[in-house]
Amino acid sequence: MQSSNARPRGGGGDAESPVETHDSHDPVRAESSAGVRYDDPWYDALASGWGETGGDGGPVAPAASARGEREDRAAAAADVYLTVQRSAAFQEVRSRYRRFVVPAGIGFFVWYVAYVVMATSVPGLMARPVAGAVNVAMLAGLGQFLSTFLLTWAYARHARLRRDRAALELRWDTQELTRGVRGGGS
């Protein structure tokens, strides 16, 4: 049977394993033939010209300027993100986030710890029946679930009403600035 690159595949009685028949990705062979390890996932060669030889029979060197240009654009894009992070609009969005999350997180943690402490320190109170077989501990445990859902709803509402629009505008502005720095595309 033939593969798409016209090399024999399968049990033809070859001494080579099927792994060795794939496009010369043997690290030792690739390193010794061209001086560069092509099996390295971080190898920075352009897709066009990869593995081709020049007119003199030697390998074609990748364009050195492409990497430099890419690094310059990445540095400029990083500057855009730092500028946005330092902006008043970004700080306002973060401030609104913190003003909700910190008190809500502390309140929920205190409520949880209070439930655990009450369950271990005053079991008589927690065992007190409220209605039939339902006792204080069961109501407090169900209250934990209810408070989790209420907190999730409150967080989603707060985000929708007070942060999402400003964050979306910031994201849009950041993408526009980044696109301008990178030269139009991407």
C-alpha atoms as a PDB file:
ATOM      1  CA  MET A   1       0.000   0.000   0.000  1.00  0.00           C
ATOM      2  CA  GLN A   2       1.288   3.486  -0.835  1.00  0.00           C
ATOM      3  CA  SER A   3       0.940   6.569   1.349  1.00  0.00           C
ATOM      4  CA  SER A   4       0.166   9.996  -0.011  1.00  0.00           C
ATOM      5  CA  ASN A   5       3.873  10.826  -0.191  1.00  0.00           C
ATOM      6  CA  ALA A   6       4.588   7.714  -2.307  1.00  0.00           C
ATOM      7  CA  ARG A   7       6.420   5.852   0.420  1.00  0.00           C
ATOM      8  CA  PRO A   8       5.564   2.250   1.204  1.00  0.00           C
ATOM      9  CA  ARG A   9       3.457   1.746   4.305  1.00  0.00           C
ATOM     10  CA  GLY A  10       2.596  -1.231   6.380  1.00  0.00           C
ATOM     11  CA  GLY A  11       3.915  -4.777   6.565  1.00  0.00           C
ATOM     12  CA  GLY A  12       6.220  -4.973   3.607  1.00  0.00           C
ATOM     13  CA  GLY A  13       8.827  -6.866   5.613  1.00  0.00           C
ATOM     14  CA  ASP A  14      10.955  -3.763   6.059  1.00  0.00           C
ATOM     15  CA  ALA A  15      13.464  -3.628   8.870  1.00  0.00           C
ATOM     16  CA  GLU A  16      12.381  -0.046   9.531  1.00  0.00           C
ATOM     17  CA  SER A  17       9.538   0.685  11.870  1.00  0.00           C
ATOM     18  CA  PRO A  18       6.547   2.687  10.597  1.00  0.00           C
ATOM     19  CA  VAL A  19       7.714   5.637  12.713  1.00  0.00           C
ATOM     20  CA  GLU A  20      10.999   5.872  10.832  1.00  0.00           C
ATOM     21  CA  THR A  21       9.286   6.146   7.445  1.00  0.00           C
ATOM     22  CA  HIS A  22       7.658   9.508   8.210  1.00  0.00           C
ATOM     23  CA  ASP A  23       9.354  12.523   6.642  1.00  0.00           C
ATOM     24  CA  SER A  24      12.749  12.110   8.314  1.00  0.00           C
ATOM     25  CA  HIS A  25      11.795  13.248  11.791  1.00  0.00           C
ATOM     26  CA  ASP A  26      14.534  11.165  13.358  1.00  0.00           C
ATOM     27  CA  PRO A  27      16.271  13.605  15.760  1.00  0.00           C
ATOM     28  CA  VAL A  28      19.742  12.219  15.151  1.00  0.00           C
ATOM     29  CA  ARG A  29      19.384  12.128  11.369  1.00  0.00           C
ATOM     30  CA  ALA A  30      17.767  15.582  11.177  1.00  0.00           C
ATOM     31  CA  GLU A  31      20.377  17.177  13.428  1.00  0.00           C
ATOM     32  CA  SER A  32      23.340  15.682  11.637  1.00  0.00           C
ATOM     33  CA  SER A  33      22.126  16.447   8.113  1.00  0.00           C
ATOM     34  CA  ALA A  34      21.249  20.127   8.494  1.00  0.00           C
ATOM     35  CA  GLY A  35      22.665  21.161  11.863  1.00  0.00           C
ATOM     36  CA  VAL A  36      19.152  22.062  13.081  1.00  0.00           C
ATOM     37  CA  ARG A  37      16.737  19.835  14.963  1.00  0.00           C
ATOM     38  CA  TYR A  38      13.469  19.943  13.020  1.00  0.00           C
ATOM     39  CA  ASP A  39      11.623  17.892  15.628  1.00  0.00           C
ATOM     40  CA  ASP A  40      11.847  20.809  18.064  1.00  0.00           C
ATOM     41  CA  PRO A  41       8.322  22.255  18.473  1.00  0.00           C
ATOM     42  CA  TRP A  42       9.770  25.717  19.106  1.00  0.00           C
ATOM     43  CA  TYR A  43      11.769  25.748  15.878  1.00  0.00           C
ATOM     44  CA  ASP A  44      11.118  29.143  14.363  1.00  0.00           C
ATOM     45  CA  ALA A  45      11.179  28.581  10.634  1.00  0.00           C
ATOM     46  CA  LEU A  46       8.730  29.960   8.147  1.00  0.00           C
ATOM     47  CA  ALA A  47       6.431  27.381   6.626  1.00  0.00           C
ATOM     48  CA  SER A  48       7.494  28.297   3.114  1.00  0.00           C
ATOM     49  CA  GLY A  49      10.994  27.128   2.447  1.00  0.00           C
ATOM     50  CA  TRP A  50      11.103  24.776   5.400  1.00  0.00           C
ATOM     51  CA  GLY A  51      13.485  21.971   4.612  1.00  0.00           C
ATOM     52  CA  GLU A  52      14.234  23.254   1.102  1.00  0.00           C
ATOM     53  CA  THR A  53      17.737  23.677  -0.196  1.00  0.00           C
ATOM     54  CA  GLY A  54      19.202  26.742  -1.824  1.00  0.00           C
ATOM     55  CA  GLY A  55      20.886  26.859  -5.250  1.00  0.00           C
ATOM     56  CA  ASP A  56      24.208  25.704  -3.738  1.00  0.00           C
ATOM     57  CA  GLY A  57      22.661  22.568  -2.183  1.00  0.00           C
ATOM     58  CA  GLY A  58      22.747  23.960   1.388  1.00  0.00           C
ATOM     59  CA  PRO A  59      19.649  24.593   3.461  1.00  0.00           C
ATOM     60  CA  VAL A  60      17.830  27.892   3.034  1.00  0.00           C
ATOM     61  CA  ALA A  61      18.192  30.128   6.093  1.00  0.00           C
ATOM     62  CA  PRO A  62      14.907  31.450   7.470  1.00  0.00           C
ATOM     63  CA  ALA A  63      14.325  35.187   7.211  1.00  0.00           C
ATOM     64  CA  ALA A  64      15.915  36.693  10.320  1.00  0.00           C
ATOM     65  CA  SER A  65      13.927  39.906  10.075  1.00  0.00           C
ATOM     66  CA  ALA A  66      10.557  38.165  10.459  1.00  0.00           C
ATOM     67  CA  ARG A  67      11.319  37.249  14.055  1.00  0.00           C
ATOM     68  CA  GLY A  68      12.541  40.760  14.864  1.00  0.00           C
ATOM     69  CA  GLU A  69       9.449  42.351  13.344  1.00  0.00           C
ATOM     70  CA  ARG A  70       7.207  39.974  15.248  1.00  0.00           C
ATOM     71  CA  GLU A  71       9.003  40.783  18.517  1.00  0.00           C
ATOM     72  CA  ASP A  72       8.714  44.527  17.835  1.00  0.00           C
ATOM     73  CA  ARG A  73       4.987  44.192  17.191  1.00  0.00           C
ATOM     74  CA  ALA A  74       4.573  42.059  20.323  1.00  0.00           C
ATOM     75  CA  ALA A  75       6.399  44.683  22.392  1.00  0.00           C
ATOM     76  CA  ALA A  76       4.217  47.437  20.926  1.00  0.00           C
ATOM     77  CA  ALA A  77       1.078  45.376  21.657  1.00  0.00           C
ATOM     78  CA  ALA A  78       2.313  44.822  25.220  1.00  0.00           C
ATOM     79  CA  ASP A  79       2.672  48.588  25.564  1.00  0.00           C
ATOM     80  CA  VAL A  80      -0.948  48.969  24.440  1.00  0.00           C
ATOM     81  CA  TYR A  81      -2.111  46.539  27.130  1.00  0.00           C
ATOM     82  CA  LEU A  82      -0.044  48.310  29.788  1.00  0.00           C
ATOM     83  CA  THR A  83      -1.506  51.645  28.728  1.00  0.00           C
ATOM     84  CA  VAL A  84      -5.036  50.229  28.933  1.00  0.00           C
ATOM     85  CA  GLN A  85      -4.304  48.683  32.330  1.00  0.00           C
ATOM     86  CA  ARG A  86      -3.179  52.070  33.649  1.00  0.00           C
ATOM     87  CA  SER A  87      -6.213  53.875  32.214  1.00  0.00           C
ATOM     88  CA  ALA A  88      -8.953  55.296  34.421  1.00  0.00           C
ATOM     89  CA  ALA A  89     -11.633  53.216  32.644  1.00  0.00           C
ATOM     90  CA  PHE A  90      -9.835  49.946  33.403  1.00  0.00           C
ATOM     91  CA  GLN A  91      -9.227  50.961  37.012  1.00  0.00           C
ATOM     92  CA  GLU A  92     -12.929  51.783  37.364  1.00  0.00           C
ATOM     93  CA  VAL A  93     -13.970  48.358  36.060  1.00  0.00           C
ATOM     94  CA  ARG A  94     -11.533  46.640  38.445  1.00  0.00           C
ATOM     95  CA  SER A  95     -12.720  48.823  41.321  1.00  0.00           C
ATOM     96  CA  ARG A  96     -16.366  47.924  40.668  1.00  0.00           C
ATOM     97  CA  TYR A  97     -15.378  44.245  40.566  1.00  0.00           C
ATOM     98  CA  ARG A  98     -13.495  44.449  43.869  1.00  0.00           C
ATOM     99  CA  ARG A  99     -16.257  46.447  45.589  1.00  0.00           C
ATOM    100  CA  PHE A 100     -18.635  43.547  44.971  1.00  0.00           C
ATOM    101  CA  VAL A 101     -16.422  40.476  45.180  1.00  0.00           C
ATOM    102  CA  VAL A 102     -14.444  41.246  48.346  1.00  0.00           C
ATOM    103  CA  PRO A 103     -17.436  41.901  50.648  1.00  0.00           C
ATOM    104  CA  ALA A 104     -19.462  39.088  49.069  1.00  0.00           C
ATOM    105  CA  GLY A 105     -16.576  36.636  49.416  1.00  0.00           C
ATOM    106  CA  ILE A 106     -15.915  37.619  53.029  1.00  0.00           C
ATOM    107  CA  GLY A 107     -19.623  37.431  53.882  1.00  0.00           C
ATOM    108  CA  PHE A 108     -20.032  34.006  52.323  1.00  0.00           C
ATOM    109  CA  PHE A 109     -16.889  32.684  54.020  1.00  0.00           C
ATOM    110  CA  VAL A 110     -18.064  33.960  57.436  1.00  0.00           C
ATOM    111  CA  TRP A 111     -21.486  32.372  56.881  1.00  0.00           C
ATOM    112  CA  TYR A 112     -19.863  29.042  55.960  1.00  0.00           C
ATOM    113  CA  VAL A 113     -17.462  29.058  58.922  1.00  0.00           C
ATOM    114  CA  ALA A 114     -20.312  30.051  61.268  1.00  0.00           C
ATOM    115  CA  TYR A 115     -22.307  27.051  60.072  1.00  0.00           C
ATOM    116  CA  VAL A 116     -19.393  24.662  60.661  1.00  0.00           C
ATOM    117  CA  VAL A 117     -18.539  26.155  64.074  1.00  0.00           C
ATOM    118  CA  MET A 118     -22.176  26.024  65.187  1.00  0.00           C
ATOM    119  CA  ALA A 119     -22.495  22.411  64.032  1.00  0.00           C
ATOM    120  CA  THR A 120     -19.445  21.365  66.065  1.00  0.00           C
ATOM    121  CA  SER A 121     -19.698  23.617  69.121  1.00  0.00           C
ATOM    122  CA  VAL A 122     -23.446  23.675  69.879  1.00  0.00           C
ATOM    123  CA  PRO A 123     -24.900  20.429  68.578  1.00  0.00           C
ATOM    124  CA  GLY A 124     -27.905  20.787  70.905  1.00  0.00           C
ATOM    125  CA  LEU A 125     -29.014  23.989  69.180  1.00  0.00           C
ATOM    126  CA  MET A 126     -28.447  22.518  65.726  1.00  0.00           C
ATOM    127  CA  ALA A 127     -30.456  19.409  66.660  1.00  0.00           C
ATOM    128  CA  ARG A 128     -33.461  21.445  67.849  1.00  0.00           C
ATOM    129  CA  PRO A 129     -36.505  20.470  65.766  1.00  0.00           C
ATOM    130  CA  VAL A 130     -38.221  23.210  63.776  1.00  0.00           C
ATOM    131  CA  ALA A 131     -41.002  21.359  61.975  1.00  0.00           C
ATOM    132  CA  GLY A 132     -41.337  17.597  62.248  1.00  0.00           C
ATOM    133  CA  ALA A 133     -38.037  15.917  61.350  1.00  0.00           C
ATOM    134  CA  VAL A 134     -36.549  19.200  60.066  1.00  0.00           C
ATOM    135  CA  ASN A 135     -34.090  20.717  62.522  1.00  0.00           C
ATOM    136  CA  VAL A 136     -31.986  23.904  62.664  1.00  0.00           C
ATOM    137  CA  ALA A 137     -28.941  22.181  61.099  1.00  0.00           C
ATOM    138  CA  MET A 138     -30.977  21.092  58.075  1.00  0.00           C
ATOM    139  CA  LEU A 139     -32.342  24.593  57.560  1.00  0.00           C
ATOM    140  CA  ALA A 140     -28.860  26.089  57.892  1.00  0.00           C
ATOM    141  CA  GLY A 141     -27.482  23.521  55.429  1.00  0.00           C
ATOM    142  CA  LEU A 142     -30.227  24.322  52.930  1.00  0.00           C
ATOM    143  CA  GLY A 143     -29.459  27.989  53.594  1.00  0.00           C
ATOM    144  CA  GLN A 144     -25.902  27.296  52.420  1.00  0.00           C
ATOM    145  CA  PHE A 145     -27.232  26.072  49.084  1.00  0.00           C
ATOM    146  CA  LEU A 146     -29.702  28.927  48.815  1.00  0.00           C
ATOM    147  CA  SER A 147     -27.043  31.524  49.623  1.00  0.00           C
ATOM    148  CA  THR A 148     -24.756  30.025  46.956  1.00  0.00           C
ATOM    149  CA  PHE A 149     -27.443  30.440  44.306  1.00  0.00           C
ATOM    150  CA  LEU A 150     -28.339  33.936  45.527  1.00  0.00           C
ATOM    151  CA  LEU A 151     -24.693  34.994  45.482  1.00  0.00           C
ATOM    152  CA  THR A 152     -24.277  33.644  41.951  1.00  0.00           C
ATOM    153  CA  TRP A 153     -27.385  35.519  40.804  1.00  0.00           C
ATOM    154  CA  ALA A 154     -26.226  38.730  42.528  1.00  0.00           C
ATOM    155  CA  TYR A 155     -22.774  38.469  40.952  1.00  0.00           C
ATOM    156  CA  ALA A 156     -24.193  37.936  37.464  1.00  0.00           C
ATOM    157  CA  ARG A 157     -26.617  40.850  37.927  1.00  0.00           C
ATOM    158  CA  HIS A 158     -23.880  43.140  39.233  1.00  0.00           C
ATOM    159  CA  ALA A 159     -21.613  42.225  36.330  1.00  0.00           C
ATOM    160  CA  ARG A 160     -24.377  42.761  33.775  1.00  0.00           C
ATOM    161  CA  LEU A 161     -25.502  46.129  35.171  1.00  0.00           C
ATOM    162  CA  ARG A 162     -22.245  47.667  36.365  1.00  0.00           C
ATOM    163  CA  ARG A 163     -19.259  46.141  34.580  1.00  0.00           C
ATOM    164  CA  ASP A 164     -20.033  44.337  31.335  1.00  0.00           C
ATOM    165  CA  ARG A 165     -20.682  47.379  29.143  1.00  0.00           C
ATOM    166  CA  ALA A 166     -17.556  49.220  30.355  1.00  0.00           C
ATOM    167  CA  ALA A 167     -15.448  46.046  30.049  1.00  0.00           C
ATOM    168  CA  LEU A 168     -16.735  45.416  26.526  1.00  0.00           C
ATOM    169  CA  GLU A 169     -15.901  48.987  25.485  1.00  0.00           C
ATOM    170  CA  LEU A 170     -12.420  48.589  26.968  1.00  0.00           C
ATOM    171  CA  ARG A 171     -11.959  45.311  25.138  1.00  0.00           C
ATOM    172  CA  TRP A 172     -13.068  46.862  21.863  1.00  0.00           C
ATOM    173  CA  ASP A 173     -10.747  49.854  22.307  1.00  0.00           C
ATOM    174  CA  THR A 174      -7.860  47.568  23.214  1.00  0.00           C
ATOM    175  CA  GLN A 175      -8.408  45.422  20.128  1.00  0.00           C
ATOM    176  CA  GLU A 176      -8.550  48.497  17.921  1.00  0.00           C
ATOM    177  CA  LEU A 177      -5.321  49.866  19.419  1.00  0.00           C
ATOM    178  CA  THR A 178      -3.603  46.490  19.106  1.00  0.00           C
ATOM    179  CA  ARG A 179      -4.786  46.095  15.517  1.00  0.00           C
ATOM    180  CA  GLY A 180      -3.363  49.557  14.715  1.00  0.00           C
ATOM    181  CA  VAL A 181      -0.002  48.650  16.274  1.00  0.00           C
ATOM    182  CA  ARG A 182       0.190  45.344  14.425  1.00  0.00           C
ATOM    183  CA  GLY A 183      -0.441  46.937  11.090  1.00  0.00           C
ATOM    184  CA  GLY A 184      -4.069  46.295  10.275  1.00  0.00           C
ATOM    185  CA  GLY A 185      -4.533  42.526  10.409  1.00  0.00           C
ATOM    186  CA  SER A 186      -4.794  39.904  13.144  1.00  0.00           C
END
